[in-house]
N, C-alpha and C. Protein backbone atom coordinates (compact mmCIF):
# COMPACT_ATOMS: atom_id res chain seq x y z
N MET A 1 -58.36 79.56 223.53
CA MET A 1 -59.46 78.92 222.79
C MET A 1 -59.24 79.16 221.30
N THR A 2 -59.27 78.10 220.53
CA THR A 2 -59.00 78.23 219.09
C THR A 2 -60.24 78.70 218.35
N ARG A 3 -60.04 79.78 217.53
CA ARG A 3 -61.17 80.28 216.72
C ARG A 3 -61.31 79.41 215.46
N GLN A 4 -62.52 78.96 215.23
CA GLN A 4 -62.78 78.14 214.03
C GLN A 4 -63.12 79.05 212.85
N ALA A 5 -62.57 78.69 211.69
CA ALA A 5 -62.85 79.46 210.47
C ALA A 5 -64.30 79.27 210.05
N ALA A 6 -64.88 80.35 209.58
CA ALA A 6 -66.26 80.28 209.09
C ALA A 6 -66.34 79.38 207.87
N PRO A 7 -67.38 78.57 207.76
CA PRO A 7 -67.50 77.66 206.60
C PRO A 7 -67.66 78.46 205.29
N ARG A 8 -67.00 77.97 204.27
CA ARG A 8 -67.10 78.63 202.96
C ARG A 8 -68.44 78.30 202.31
N PRO A 9 -69.02 79.26 201.59
CA PRO A 9 -70.27 78.96 200.89
C PRO A 9 -70.06 77.93 199.79
N ALA A 10 -71.04 77.09 199.60
CA ALA A 10 -70.93 76.06 198.56
C ALA A 10 -70.94 76.71 197.19
N PRO A 11 -70.13 76.21 196.25
CA PRO A 11 -70.13 76.79 194.91
C PRO A 11 -71.47 76.59 194.23
N ALA A 12 -71.80 77.55 193.37
CA ALA A 12 -73.07 77.45 192.64
C ALA A 12 -73.03 76.24 191.71
N PRO A 13 -74.10 75.50 191.62
CA PRO A 13 -74.10 74.32 190.75
C PRO A 13 -73.97 74.72 189.29
N ALA A 14 -73.23 73.92 188.53
CA ALA A 14 -73.08 74.18 187.10
C ALA A 14 -74.40 73.91 186.38
N GLU A 15 -74.58 74.57 185.24
CA GLU A 15 -75.82 74.39 184.48
C GLU A 15 -75.91 72.95 184.00
N VAL A 16 -77.01 72.32 184.28
CA VAL A 16 -77.21 70.93 183.94
C VAL A 16 -78.27 70.83 182.86
N SER A 17 -77.96 70.11 181.77
CA SER A 17 -78.93 69.91 180.71
C SER A 17 -79.93 68.85 181.12
N PRO A 18 -81.17 68.94 180.66
CA PRO A 18 -82.15 67.90 180.98
C PRO A 18 -81.66 66.53 180.52
N ALA A 19 -82.19 65.50 181.14
CA ALA A 19 -81.77 64.13 180.82
C ALA A 19 -81.98 63.85 179.33
N GLY A 20 -81.00 63.19 178.73
CA GLY A 20 -81.09 62.84 177.33
C GLY A 20 -80.70 63.96 176.38
N THR A 21 -80.21 65.07 176.93
CA THR A 21 -79.80 66.19 176.09
C THR A 21 -78.37 66.59 176.44
N GLU A 22 -77.80 67.41 175.60
CA GLU A 22 -76.49 67.97 175.87
C GLU A 22 -76.40 69.35 175.25
N ARG A 23 -75.55 70.16 175.82
CA ARG A 23 -75.35 71.52 175.35
C ARG A 23 -74.16 71.53 174.40
N VAL A 24 -74.38 71.98 173.15
CA VAL A 24 -73.34 71.90 172.13
C VAL A 24 -73.15 73.26 171.46
N ARG A 25 -71.97 73.44 170.89
CA ARG A 25 -71.72 74.61 170.07
C ARG A 25 -72.30 74.33 168.69
N LEU A 26 -73.40 75.00 168.35
CA LEU A 26 -74.15 74.67 167.13
C LEU A 26 -73.91 75.65 166.00
N TRP A 27 -74.17 76.95 166.25
CA TRP A 27 -74.09 77.94 165.18
C TRP A 27 -72.72 78.60 165.17
N ASP A 28 -72.05 78.56 164.03
CA ASP A 28 -70.72 79.13 163.91
C ASP A 28 -70.78 80.65 163.86
N PRO A 29 -69.69 81.34 164.17
CA PRO A 29 -69.69 82.82 164.20
C PRO A 29 -70.10 83.46 162.88
N MET A 30 -69.66 82.91 161.76
CA MET A 30 -69.99 83.50 160.46
C MET A 30 -71.50 83.46 160.21
N LEU A 31 -72.14 82.35 160.56
CA LEU A 31 -73.58 82.23 160.35
C LEU A 31 -74.34 83.19 161.25
N ARG A 32 -73.86 83.36 162.48
CA ARG A 32 -74.54 84.26 163.41
C ARG A 32 -74.41 85.71 162.96
N VAL A 33 -73.23 86.10 162.50
CA VAL A 33 -73.06 87.47 161.99
C VAL A 33 -73.94 87.69 160.76
N TYR A 34 -73.96 86.70 159.87
CA TYR A 34 -74.82 86.79 158.68
C TYR A 34 -76.28 86.99 159.07
N HIS A 35 -76.76 86.21 160.03
CA HIS A 35 -78.16 86.26 160.43
C HIS A 35 -78.56 87.65 160.92
N TRP A 36 -77.75 88.22 161.82
CA TRP A 36 -78.13 89.52 162.39
C TRP A 36 -77.91 90.66 161.41
N LEU A 37 -76.89 90.57 160.55
CA LEU A 37 -76.71 91.58 159.51
C LEU A 37 -77.89 91.56 158.54
N LEU A 38 -78.29 90.36 158.13
CA LEU A 38 -79.40 90.26 157.19
C LEU A 38 -80.69 90.79 157.82
N ALA A 39 -80.94 90.43 159.08
CA ALA A 39 -82.15 90.91 159.75
C ALA A 39 -82.17 92.43 159.80
N GLY A 40 -81.04 93.04 160.19
CA GLY A 40 -80.99 94.50 160.28
C GLY A 40 -81.14 95.18 158.94
N LEU A 41 -80.49 94.64 157.90
CA LEU A 41 -80.56 95.26 156.58
C LEU A 41 -81.95 95.11 155.96
N VAL A 42 -82.57 93.96 156.16
CA VAL A 42 -83.92 93.76 155.61
C VAL A 42 -84.91 94.74 156.24
N ILE A 43 -84.83 94.88 157.56
CA ILE A 43 -85.74 95.82 158.24
C ILE A 43 -85.47 97.25 157.79
N LEU A 44 -84.19 97.64 157.73
CA LEU A 44 -83.84 98.99 157.31
C LEU A 44 -84.29 99.25 155.88
N ASN A 45 -84.05 98.30 154.99
CA ASN A 45 -84.41 98.52 153.59
C ASN A 45 -85.91 98.52 153.37
N TRP A 46 -86.63 97.73 154.15
CA TRP A 46 -88.10 97.74 154.04
C TRP A 46 -88.62 99.12 154.45
N CYS A 47 -88.08 99.66 155.53
CA CYS A 47 -88.50 100.99 155.99
C CYS A 47 -88.13 102.07 154.97
N LEU A 48 -86.95 101.96 154.38
CA LEU A 48 -86.54 102.94 153.38
C LEU A 48 -87.45 102.88 152.16
N GLY A 49 -87.83 101.66 151.76
CA GLY A 49 -88.71 101.52 150.60
C GLY A 49 -90.11 102.03 150.86
N LYS A 50 -90.60 101.90 152.09
CA LYS A 50 -91.97 102.31 152.41
C LYS A 50 -92.08 103.78 152.79
N PHE A 51 -91.06 104.32 153.44
CA PHE A 51 -91.19 105.66 154.03
C PHE A 51 -90.18 106.68 153.48
N GLY A 52 -89.38 106.32 152.50
CA GLY A 52 -88.48 107.31 151.92
C GLY A 52 -87.10 107.25 152.53
N PRO A 53 -86.26 108.22 152.17
CA PRO A 53 -86.51 109.43 151.39
C PRO A 53 -86.77 109.14 149.91
N ASP A 54 -87.07 110.23 149.16
CA ASP A 54 -87.40 110.07 147.75
C ASP A 54 -86.22 109.50 146.97
N SER A 55 -85.03 109.95 147.28
CA SER A 55 -83.84 109.38 146.66
C SER A 55 -83.54 108.04 147.30
N MET A 56 -83.46 107.01 146.47
CA MET A 56 -83.34 105.65 146.99
C MET A 56 -81.89 105.13 146.96
N SER A 57 -80.93 106.05 146.99
CA SER A 57 -79.53 105.62 146.92
C SER A 57 -79.17 104.66 148.06
N LEU A 58 -79.55 105.02 149.31
CA LEU A 58 -79.25 104.16 150.44
C LEU A 58 -80.00 102.85 150.31
N HIS A 59 -81.22 102.89 149.80
CA HIS A 59 -82.01 101.68 149.58
C HIS A 59 -81.28 100.74 148.62
N PHE A 60 -80.71 101.30 147.55
CA PHE A 60 -79.97 100.49 146.59
C PHE A 60 -78.74 99.85 147.24
N TRP A 61 -77.99 100.66 148.02
CA TRP A 61 -76.78 100.13 148.63
C TRP A 61 -77.09 99.03 149.64
N CYS A 62 -78.18 99.20 150.38
CA CYS A 62 -78.61 98.12 151.29
C CYS A 62 -78.99 96.87 150.50
N GLY A 63 -79.61 97.08 149.34
CA GLY A 63 -79.96 95.95 148.48
C GLY A 63 -78.74 95.21 147.99
N TYR A 64 -77.69 95.94 147.63
CA TYR A 64 -76.45 95.29 147.20
C TYR A 64 -75.86 94.47 148.35
N ALA A 65 -75.90 95.04 149.56
CA ALA A 65 -75.36 94.32 150.73
C ALA A 65 -76.17 93.05 150.99
N ILE A 66 -77.49 93.13 150.85
CA ILE A 66 -78.34 91.95 151.03
C ILE A 66 -78.01 90.90 149.99
N ALA A 67 -77.79 91.33 148.74
CA ALA A 67 -77.42 90.40 147.68
C ALA A 67 -76.12 89.67 148.02
N ALA A 68 -75.13 90.41 148.54
CA ALA A 68 -73.86 89.80 148.93
C ALA A 68 -74.06 88.78 150.04
N LEU A 69 -74.94 89.10 151.01
CA LEU A 69 -75.21 88.16 152.10
C LEU A 69 -75.91 86.90 151.58
N LEU A 70 -76.79 87.06 150.61
CA LEU A 70 -77.46 85.89 150.04
C LEU A 70 -76.48 84.97 149.34
N VAL A 71 -75.53 85.56 148.61
CA VAL A 71 -74.49 84.76 147.96
C VAL A 71 -73.68 84.01 149.01
N PHE A 72 -73.32 84.72 150.08
CA PHE A 72 -72.58 84.06 151.16
C PHE A 72 -73.37 82.88 151.73
N ARG A 73 -74.68 83.07 151.94
CA ARG A 73 -75.48 82.00 152.57
C ARG A 73 -75.55 80.78 151.67
N VAL A 74 -75.65 80.98 150.36
CA VAL A 74 -75.68 79.85 149.45
C VAL A 74 -74.35 79.09 149.51
N VAL A 75 -73.24 79.84 149.48
CA VAL A 75 -71.93 79.20 149.56
C VAL A 75 -71.77 78.48 150.90
N TRP A 76 -72.18 79.14 151.99
CA TRP A 76 -72.06 78.56 153.32
C TRP A 76 -72.98 77.36 153.47
N GLY A 77 -74.11 77.39 152.78
CA GLY A 77 -75.04 76.26 152.84
C GLY A 77 -74.53 75.04 152.10
N ILE A 78 -73.50 75.21 151.29
CA ILE A 78 -72.91 74.09 150.55
C ILE A 78 -71.58 73.66 151.17
N ALA A 79 -70.75 74.65 151.52
CA ALA A 79 -69.39 74.34 151.97
C ALA A 79 -69.11 74.74 153.41
N GLY A 80 -70.11 75.25 154.12
CA GLY A 80 -69.89 75.69 155.49
C GLY A 80 -69.92 74.54 156.49
N PRO A 81 -69.91 74.86 157.80
CA PRO A 81 -69.99 73.82 158.83
C PRO A 81 -71.25 72.99 158.69
N ARG A 82 -71.23 71.82 159.30
CA ARG A 82 -72.32 70.86 159.13
C ARG A 82 -73.70 71.44 159.44
N SER A 83 -73.82 72.17 160.55
CA SER A 83 -75.14 72.69 160.94
C SER A 83 -75.65 73.75 159.99
N ALA A 84 -74.77 74.37 159.19
CA ALA A 84 -75.18 75.43 158.28
C ALA A 84 -75.55 74.91 156.90
N ARG A 85 -75.21 73.66 156.61
CA ARG A 85 -75.41 73.13 155.26
C ARG A 85 -76.89 72.80 155.01
N PHE A 86 -77.34 73.09 153.80
CA PHE A 86 -78.72 72.79 153.43
C PHE A 86 -79.00 71.30 153.55
N SER A 87 -78.01 70.48 153.20
CA SER A 87 -78.21 69.03 153.25
C SER A 87 -78.45 68.52 154.66
N ASN A 88 -78.12 69.33 155.66
CA ASN A 88 -78.26 68.91 157.05
C ASN A 88 -79.64 69.23 157.63
N PHE A 89 -80.37 70.18 157.01
CA PHE A 89 -81.64 70.54 157.61
C PHE A 89 -82.83 70.59 156.65
N VAL A 90 -82.60 70.58 155.36
CA VAL A 90 -83.72 70.59 154.41
C VAL A 90 -84.23 69.17 154.27
N THR A 91 -85.51 68.97 154.55
CA THR A 91 -86.12 67.64 154.49
C THR A 91 -87.32 67.66 153.54
N GLY A 92 -87.84 66.49 153.28
CA GLY A 92 -89.02 66.37 152.42
C GLY A 92 -90.30 66.47 153.22
N PRO A 93 -91.44 66.26 152.54
CA PRO A 93 -92.75 66.35 153.22
C PRO A 93 -92.89 65.41 154.41
N ARG A 94 -92.29 64.23 154.32
CA ARG A 94 -92.42 63.27 155.42
C ARG A 94 -91.79 63.81 156.70
N GLY A 95 -90.61 64.41 156.57
CA GLY A 95 -89.95 64.98 157.75
C GLY A 95 -90.71 66.15 158.32
N ILE A 96 -91.31 66.96 157.44
CA ILE A 96 -92.07 68.13 157.90
C ILE A 96 -93.32 67.68 158.65
N VAL A 97 -94.04 66.70 158.09
CA VAL A 97 -95.25 66.20 158.74
C VAL A 97 -94.91 65.54 160.08
N GLY A 98 -93.82 64.76 160.10
CA GLY A 98 -93.42 64.10 161.33
C GLY A 98 -93.10 65.09 162.43
N TYR A 99 -92.38 66.16 162.07
CA TYR A 99 -92.06 67.17 163.08
C TYR A 99 -93.33 67.93 163.50
N GLY A 100 -94.22 68.18 162.54
CA GLY A 100 -95.42 68.94 162.84
C GLY A 100 -96.32 68.27 163.85
N ARG A 101 -96.24 66.93 163.97
CA ARG A 101 -97.09 66.23 164.94
C ARG A 101 -96.78 66.64 166.37
N GLY A 102 -95.56 67.05 166.63
CA GLY A 102 -95.20 67.44 168.00
C GLY A 102 -95.13 68.94 168.19
N LEU A 103 -95.58 69.69 167.19
CA LEU A 103 -95.44 71.14 167.25
C LEU A 103 -96.22 71.76 168.40
N PHE A 104 -97.35 71.18 168.77
CA PHE A 104 -98.20 71.78 169.79
C PHE A 104 -97.96 71.20 171.19
N ARG A 105 -97.00 70.30 171.31
CA ARG A 105 -96.67 69.80 172.65
C ARG A 105 -96.00 70.92 173.45
N ARG A 106 -96.34 71.01 174.71
CA ARG A 106 -95.77 72.06 175.54
C ARG A 106 -94.45 71.59 176.15
N GLU A 107 -93.48 71.39 175.28
CA GLU A 107 -92.15 70.98 175.70
C GLU A 107 -91.15 71.37 174.63
N PRO A 108 -89.92 71.64 175.00
CA PRO A 108 -88.91 72.02 174.00
C PRO A 108 -88.66 70.88 173.02
N SER A 109 -88.32 71.25 171.81
CA SER A 109 -88.03 70.23 170.80
C SER A 109 -86.59 69.74 170.88
N TYR A 110 -85.68 70.58 171.39
CA TYR A 110 -84.25 70.25 171.45
C TYR A 110 -83.73 69.79 170.09
N TRP A 111 -84.23 70.42 169.04
CA TRP A 111 -83.83 70.00 167.69
C TRP A 111 -82.40 70.46 167.41
N PRO A 112 -81.57 69.58 166.84
CA PRO A 112 -80.15 69.93 166.61
C PRO A 112 -79.93 70.73 165.34
N GLY A 113 -80.40 71.96 165.32
CA GLY A 113 -80.25 72.82 164.15
C GLY A 113 -81.60 73.40 163.75
N HIS A 114 -81.72 73.76 162.45
CA HIS A 114 -83.02 74.22 161.95
C HIS A 114 -83.96 73.02 161.89
N ASN A 115 -85.11 73.12 162.56
CA ASN A 115 -86.10 72.05 162.44
C ASN A 115 -86.73 72.11 161.05
N PRO A 116 -87.47 71.06 160.63
CA PRO A 116 -88.02 71.04 159.27
C PRO A 116 -88.88 72.24 158.92
N LEU A 117 -89.66 72.77 159.88
CA LEU A 117 -90.46 73.96 159.60
C LEU A 117 -89.56 75.19 159.50
N GLY A 118 -88.55 75.27 160.36
CA GLY A 118 -87.60 76.36 160.28
C GLY A 118 -86.84 76.34 158.98
N ALA A 119 -86.56 75.13 158.46
CA ALA A 119 -85.88 75.01 157.17
C ALA A 119 -86.73 75.63 156.06
N LEU A 120 -88.05 75.40 156.11
CA LEU A 120 -88.94 76.03 155.13
C LEU A 120 -88.85 77.55 155.20
N SER A 121 -88.77 78.08 156.42
CA SER A 121 -88.66 79.52 156.60
C SER A 121 -87.36 80.05 155.99
N VAL A 122 -86.26 79.32 156.22
CA VAL A 122 -84.96 79.73 155.67
C VAL A 122 -85.01 79.77 154.15
N ILE A 123 -85.50 78.70 153.53
CA ILE A 123 -85.54 78.62 152.08
C ILE A 123 -86.48 79.67 151.50
N ALA A 124 -87.66 79.84 152.12
CA ALA A 124 -88.62 80.83 151.64
C ALA A 124 -88.02 82.23 151.68
N MET A 125 -87.34 82.56 152.78
CA MET A 125 -86.75 83.89 152.90
C MET A 125 -85.64 84.11 151.87
N LEU A 126 -84.81 83.10 151.64
CA LEU A 126 -83.75 83.22 150.65
C LEU A 126 -84.33 83.43 149.24
N VAL A 127 -85.35 82.65 148.90
CA VAL A 127 -85.94 82.74 147.57
C VAL A 127 -86.62 84.10 147.37
N VAL A 128 -87.40 84.53 148.37
CA VAL A 128 -88.12 85.80 148.24
C VAL A 128 -87.15 86.98 148.19
N LEU A 129 -86.12 86.95 149.03
CA LEU A 129 -85.15 88.04 149.03
C LEU A 129 -84.38 88.08 147.71
N ALA A 130 -84.03 86.91 147.17
CA ALA A 130 -83.33 86.87 145.89
C ALA A 130 -84.21 87.45 144.78
N ALA A 131 -85.50 87.08 144.80
CA ALA A 131 -86.43 87.63 143.81
C ALA A 131 -86.61 89.13 143.99
N GLN A 132 -86.63 89.57 145.24
CA GLN A 132 -86.79 91.00 145.53
C GLN A 132 -85.58 91.79 145.04
N VAL A 133 -84.39 91.28 145.27
CA VAL A 133 -83.18 91.94 144.78
C VAL A 133 -83.20 91.99 143.25
N GLY A 134 -83.57 90.87 142.63
CA GLY A 134 -83.62 90.85 141.17
C GLY A 134 -84.60 91.84 140.60
N ALA A 135 -85.80 91.94 141.20
CA ALA A 135 -86.80 92.90 140.74
C ALA A 135 -86.31 94.32 140.91
N GLY A 136 -85.63 94.60 142.01
CA GLY A 136 -85.11 95.95 142.24
C GLY A 136 -84.05 96.34 141.24
N LEU A 137 -83.23 95.38 140.83
CA LEU A 137 -82.14 95.68 139.90
C LEU A 137 -82.65 96.06 138.51
N ILE A 138 -83.83 95.54 138.13
CA ILE A 138 -84.34 95.82 136.77
C ILE A 138 -85.54 96.76 136.77
N SER A 139 -85.90 97.33 137.92
CA SER A 139 -87.07 98.20 138.01
C SER A 139 -86.81 99.54 137.33
N ASP A 140 -87.84 100.07 136.69
CA ASP A 140 -87.76 101.40 136.07
C ASP A 140 -89.04 102.16 136.41
N PRO A 141 -89.08 102.84 137.57
CA PRO A 141 -90.29 103.55 137.99
C PRO A 141 -90.52 104.80 137.16
N ASP A 142 -91.69 105.41 137.35
CA ASP A 142 -92.06 106.58 136.56
C ASP A 142 -91.27 107.83 136.91
N ASP A 143 -90.56 107.82 138.06
CA ASP A 143 -89.85 109.04 138.45
C ASP A 143 -88.55 109.26 137.67
N PHE A 144 -88.13 108.26 136.92
CA PHE A 144 -86.91 108.33 136.10
C PHE A 144 -85.65 108.63 136.93
N VAL A 145 -85.73 108.47 138.24
CA VAL A 145 -84.59 108.74 139.11
C VAL A 145 -84.09 107.43 139.74
N ASN A 146 -85.00 106.72 140.36
CA ASN A 146 -84.63 105.49 141.08
C ASN A 146 -84.71 104.28 140.15
N VAL A 147 -83.95 104.34 139.09
CA VAL A 147 -83.95 103.28 138.07
C VAL A 147 -82.91 102.23 138.47
N GLY A 148 -83.31 100.98 138.39
CA GLY A 148 -82.39 99.90 138.71
C GLY A 148 -81.22 99.86 137.75
N PRO A 149 -80.04 99.47 138.21
CA PRO A 149 -78.84 99.49 137.37
C PRO A 149 -78.88 98.54 136.18
N LEU A 150 -79.78 97.57 136.20
CA LEU A 150 -79.88 96.62 135.09
C LEU A 150 -81.18 96.78 134.31
N ALA A 151 -81.87 97.89 134.52
CA ALA A 151 -83.16 98.09 133.85
C ALA A 151 -83.02 98.13 132.34
N ASP A 152 -81.87 98.63 131.85
CA ASP A 152 -81.68 98.72 130.40
C ASP A 152 -81.33 97.37 129.78
N LYS A 153 -81.19 96.35 130.60
CA LYS A 153 -80.86 95.02 130.08
C LYS A 153 -82.10 94.20 129.76
N VAL A 154 -83.27 94.71 130.13
CA VAL A 154 -84.53 94.01 129.86
C VAL A 154 -85.44 94.94 129.07
N SER A 155 -86.56 94.40 128.63
CA SER A 155 -87.52 95.21 127.87
C SER A 155 -88.19 96.24 128.76
N GLY A 156 -88.75 97.29 128.14
CA GLY A 156 -89.44 98.32 128.89
C GLY A 156 -90.63 97.77 129.66
N ALA A 157 -91.34 96.82 129.05
CA ALA A 157 -92.50 96.23 129.73
C ALA A 157 -92.05 95.46 130.97
N THR A 158 -90.94 94.76 130.86
CA THR A 158 -90.45 93.98 132.00
C THR A 158 -89.98 94.89 133.12
N SER A 159 -89.22 95.95 132.78
CA SER A 159 -88.72 96.86 133.82
C SER A 159 -89.85 97.61 134.50
N SER A 160 -90.91 97.90 133.76
CA SER A 160 -92.07 98.56 134.38
C SER A 160 -92.82 97.59 135.29
N ALA A 161 -92.99 96.36 134.83
CA ALA A 161 -93.68 95.36 135.64
C ALA A 161 -92.88 95.03 136.90
N ALA A 162 -91.56 95.14 136.82
CA ALA A 162 -90.71 94.82 137.96
C ALA A 162 -90.98 95.74 139.15
N VAL A 163 -91.45 96.96 138.87
CA VAL A 163 -91.79 97.89 139.95
C VAL A 163 -92.90 97.29 140.81
N GLY A 164 -93.93 96.77 140.15
CA GLY A 164 -95.03 96.13 140.88
C GLY A 164 -94.57 94.89 141.60
N TRP A 165 -93.70 94.11 140.96
CA TRP A 165 -93.18 92.91 141.62
C TRP A 165 -92.41 93.29 142.89
N HIS A 166 -91.67 94.39 142.80
CA HIS A 166 -90.86 94.82 143.94
C HIS A 166 -91.75 95.24 145.11
N HIS A 167 -92.83 95.95 144.82
CA HIS A 167 -93.76 96.36 145.88
C HIS A 167 -94.46 95.14 146.48
N PHE A 168 -94.84 94.19 145.64
CA PHE A 168 -95.48 92.97 146.14
C PHE A 168 -94.50 92.17 146.99
N GLY A 169 -93.26 92.10 146.54
CA GLY A 169 -92.24 91.36 147.31
C GLY A 169 -92.04 91.94 148.69
N ALA A 170 -92.14 93.27 148.81
CA ALA A 170 -91.99 93.92 150.13
C ALA A 170 -93.09 93.45 151.08
N ASP A 171 -94.30 93.28 150.57
CA ASP A 171 -95.40 92.79 151.41
C ASP A 171 -95.17 91.33 151.82
N VAL A 172 -94.66 90.52 150.89
CA VAL A 172 -94.39 89.12 151.20
C VAL A 172 -93.30 89.02 152.28
N ILE A 173 -92.27 89.86 152.15
CA ILE A 173 -91.20 89.86 153.14
C ILE A 173 -91.74 90.23 154.51
N LEU A 174 -92.62 91.22 154.57
CA LEU A 174 -93.22 91.61 155.84
C LEU A 174 -93.96 90.44 156.47
N ILE A 175 -94.71 89.70 155.66
CA ILE A 175 -95.45 88.54 156.17
C ILE A 175 -94.50 87.49 156.71
N LEU A 176 -93.42 87.22 155.97
CA LEU A 176 -92.46 86.22 156.41
C LEU A 176 -91.78 86.63 157.71
N VAL A 177 -91.45 87.91 157.85
CA VAL A 177 -90.80 88.40 159.07
C VAL A 177 -91.75 88.27 160.26
N ILE A 178 -93.02 88.63 160.05
CA ILE A 178 -94.01 88.52 161.13
C ILE A 178 -94.18 87.06 161.55
N LEU A 179 -94.26 86.15 160.57
CA LEU A 179 -94.37 84.72 160.89
C LEU A 179 -93.15 84.23 161.65
N HIS A 180 -91.98 84.70 161.22
CA HIS A 180 -90.73 84.28 161.86
C HIS A 180 -90.69 84.72 163.33
N VAL A 181 -91.00 85.99 163.55
CA VAL A 181 -91.00 86.51 164.93
C VAL A 181 -92.10 85.84 165.75
N GLY A 182 -93.25 85.62 165.12
CA GLY A 182 -94.34 84.96 165.82
C GLY A 182 -93.99 83.55 166.26
N MET A 183 -93.30 82.79 165.42
CA MET A 183 -92.90 81.44 165.79
C MET A 183 -91.84 81.44 166.89
N ILE A 184 -90.94 82.44 166.86
CA ILE A 184 -89.95 82.55 167.94
C ILE A 184 -90.67 82.79 169.27
N ALA A 185 -91.66 83.69 169.24
CA ALA A 185 -92.43 83.96 170.46
C ALA A 185 -93.21 82.73 170.90
N TYR A 186 -93.78 81.99 169.94
CA TYR A 186 -94.53 80.78 170.27
C TYR A 186 -93.63 79.76 170.95
N TYR A 187 -92.44 79.54 170.41
CA TYR A 187 -91.51 78.58 171.02
C TYR A 187 -91.10 79.03 172.42
N ARG A 188 -90.90 80.34 172.57
CA ARG A 188 -90.45 80.84 173.88
C ARG A 188 -91.56 80.72 174.93
N ILE A 189 -92.79 81.06 174.57
CA ILE A 189 -93.89 81.10 175.54
C ILE A 189 -94.52 79.73 175.73
N TRP A 190 -94.83 79.05 174.62
CA TRP A 190 -95.57 77.80 174.73
C TRP A 190 -94.66 76.59 174.93
N LYS A 191 -93.60 76.51 174.12
CA LYS A 191 -92.74 75.33 174.20
C LYS A 191 -91.56 75.52 175.15
N ARG A 192 -91.46 76.73 175.72
CA ARG A 192 -90.38 77.04 176.68
C ARG A 192 -89.00 76.76 176.09
N GLU A 193 -88.81 77.20 174.88
CA GLU A 193 -87.53 77.00 174.18
C GLU A 193 -87.07 78.33 173.60
N ASP A 194 -85.89 78.76 173.97
CA ASP A 194 -85.34 80.03 173.52
C ASP A 194 -84.56 79.81 172.24
N LEU A 195 -85.03 80.37 171.13
CA LEU A 195 -84.34 80.23 169.85
C LEU A 195 -83.44 81.42 169.55
N VAL A 196 -83.54 82.48 170.34
CA VAL A 196 -82.75 83.68 170.08
C VAL A 196 -81.35 83.56 170.66
N ALA A 197 -81.24 83.13 171.92
CA ALA A 197 -79.94 83.04 172.58
C ALA A 197 -78.94 82.18 171.81
N PRO A 198 -79.33 81.01 171.26
CA PRO A 198 -78.36 80.23 170.49
C PRO A 198 -77.81 80.96 169.27
N MET A 199 -78.64 81.83 168.66
CA MET A 199 -78.16 82.57 167.50
C MET A 199 -77.27 83.74 167.92
N ILE A 200 -77.19 84.01 169.21
CA ILE A 200 -76.27 85.03 169.74
C ILE A 200 -74.99 84.37 170.25
N THR A 201 -75.15 83.32 171.05
CA THR A 201 -73.99 82.68 171.69
C THR A 201 -73.42 81.52 170.87
N GLY A 202 -74.26 80.90 170.05
CA GLY A 202 -73.83 79.72 169.30
C GLY A 202 -74.14 78.42 170.00
N TRP A 203 -74.48 78.47 171.30
CA TRP A 203 -74.71 77.25 172.10
C TRP A 203 -76.20 76.92 172.15
N LYS A 204 -76.50 75.62 172.06
CA LYS A 204 -77.89 75.19 172.10
C LYS A 204 -77.97 73.82 172.77
N THR A 205 -79.06 73.59 173.50
CA THR A 205 -79.32 72.29 174.10
C THR A 205 -80.06 71.43 173.09
N VAL A 206 -79.51 70.25 172.78
CA VAL A 206 -80.11 69.38 171.77
C VAL A 206 -80.28 67.98 172.34
N ARG A 207 -81.14 67.20 171.70
CA ARG A 207 -81.29 65.81 172.10
C ARG A 207 -80.04 65.03 171.71
N ARG A 208 -79.53 64.25 172.64
CA ARG A 208 -78.27 63.55 172.40
C ARG A 208 -78.40 62.50 171.31
N ASP A 209 -79.54 61.78 171.27
CA ASP A 209 -79.69 60.73 170.26
C ASP A 209 -79.74 61.31 168.86
N ASP A 210 -80.42 62.49 168.69
CA ASP A 210 -80.47 63.12 167.38
C ASP A 210 -79.10 63.58 166.95
N ARG A 211 -78.34 64.13 167.90
CA ARG A 211 -77.00 64.60 167.56
C ARG A 211 -76.11 63.42 167.15
N ASP A 212 -76.25 62.29 167.86
CA ASP A 212 -75.47 61.12 167.51
C ASP A 212 -75.78 60.66 166.09
N ASP A 213 -77.09 60.63 165.75
CA ASP A 213 -77.48 60.19 164.41
C ASP A 213 -76.92 61.11 163.33
N ARG A 214 -77.01 62.42 163.56
CA ARG A 214 -76.61 63.36 162.54
C ARG A 214 -75.09 63.43 162.40
N ASP A 215 -74.37 63.12 163.45
CA ASP A 215 -72.92 63.14 163.37
C ASP A 215 -72.35 61.79 162.89
N GLY A 216 -73.25 60.84 162.63
CA GLY A 216 -72.79 59.55 162.15
C GLY A 216 -72.27 58.64 163.24
N ARG A 217 -72.53 58.99 164.50
CA ARG A 217 -72.07 58.15 165.60
C ARG A 217 -73.19 57.18 166.00
N SER A 218 -72.80 56.05 166.55
CA SER A 218 -73.82 55.07 166.95
C SER A 218 -74.40 55.48 168.30
N ARG A 219 -75.63 55.10 168.52
CA ARG A 219 -76.26 55.36 169.82
C ARG A 219 -75.68 54.43 170.87
N PRO A 220 -75.65 54.87 172.12
CA PRO A 220 -75.14 53.99 173.18
C PRO A 220 -76.09 52.81 173.41
């Protein structure tokens, strides 16, 4: 009597994108490394500024690293890959209002890159961080120890006022970070869209028609 071989288990189905969407490589490695380095340095430097130690040497060095990352982001926003360029995601009021109409729908946006509201967050964070670095460089606090390296390049009144600007900037950064994390949680819970994984893996599910338009290809 011939023994029959046991049937093989069926292979697991491949991940299928919802109709009208496709999974694409969106965020390049350089942008992803920049994002997580900046996030870590901003959190570390905020904690150093609020809780010490009294010597702010490490705080200064983190500030220099943040400044270097900001310069990189500006260059990458001009000459980097398409999805990283400012021209690809910064829109005017009309685009922001149009996107905002669907913000409360309980469905993923499948937006191919930074959506118009996310673009505002990117620009706001870059501007505030640049101002914060600038204020730190010219600050001259009363302790005569943690003096910014460029404090002697401005007037005494300006370097003294910069201390207050720097403290105010820290509060603004905290608000922006809370809003950023809050929106990520909102998208994950309400809109069922994970914005964190794409910034780790680089892959994101996007609407095919939007991708066609942005890549200059005609719709089918």
